[in-house]
C-alpha cells in the first residue's frame, strides 16, 4: 500500500495531471463529510486536448474504474459511472467526446451511455527490449519530444476524415509530452 501511495504522489506531481486530472469517489451519503469515508467505487478522469471534426476542444478520458472486491456486484460502479456521465454532460454540454479505458469490455459501459466506435490507437515498444546494435540511444526527453511530434498530425487527420464521413464526426487526441511522461 505504501508503494501505491508513493506512486500516486509522483503521478499527481506531473504536468499531465496538473492539466486536468480528477479522482472521483462514490461514498455512502451518510459518510460524505467523514474524515475517512468508506470508498464504494472510484475512478479518474483526465482532461485532454483533442480535435473533434475541425474544432480544437478537449475530451475527458475516464480510467482506473475500481470497486473493492467486497463491494462488487452491488451496483456501486454503475451508480458512480452514471453520476459521472451526468456530471460531465451537465458541466460540458458541448463536449460530445469522452474516452473510456476498460479491461471489462464495452457491453457494461454501453448500458451506461458510452458507445463503442471503431478506433485506431498507437502504442510504443519497450525501448529496453530493443537489442539492435545499429541503433543509437537518445535520452528520454528527446525520445518523448520526437514521439509527440511524430503524432502531431493526428488531429488534422480527424478533421479531414470528418469531411469524408456522412453524418459522423471523427476525433483525435494526440499524445503530448506531458501525457507520455505520465505513463513512464
Foldseek 3Di string as FASTA:
>chain_A
DVVVVVLVVVLCPFPQNVQPKDKDFDFPPVCPPPPDTDTQKIWMKGWAWKAKQNDTDIEIEIEDTDGPPVNPPVCPSVVRLLVVVVVCCVVCVPRPDYHYDDPVDDPVVVVSPDDDDDDDDDDDDDPVPDDDPVDDDDDPLVVLVVQQVVQVCVRVVQNVVQVVDPPHGGMDTGDDSRNVVSVD
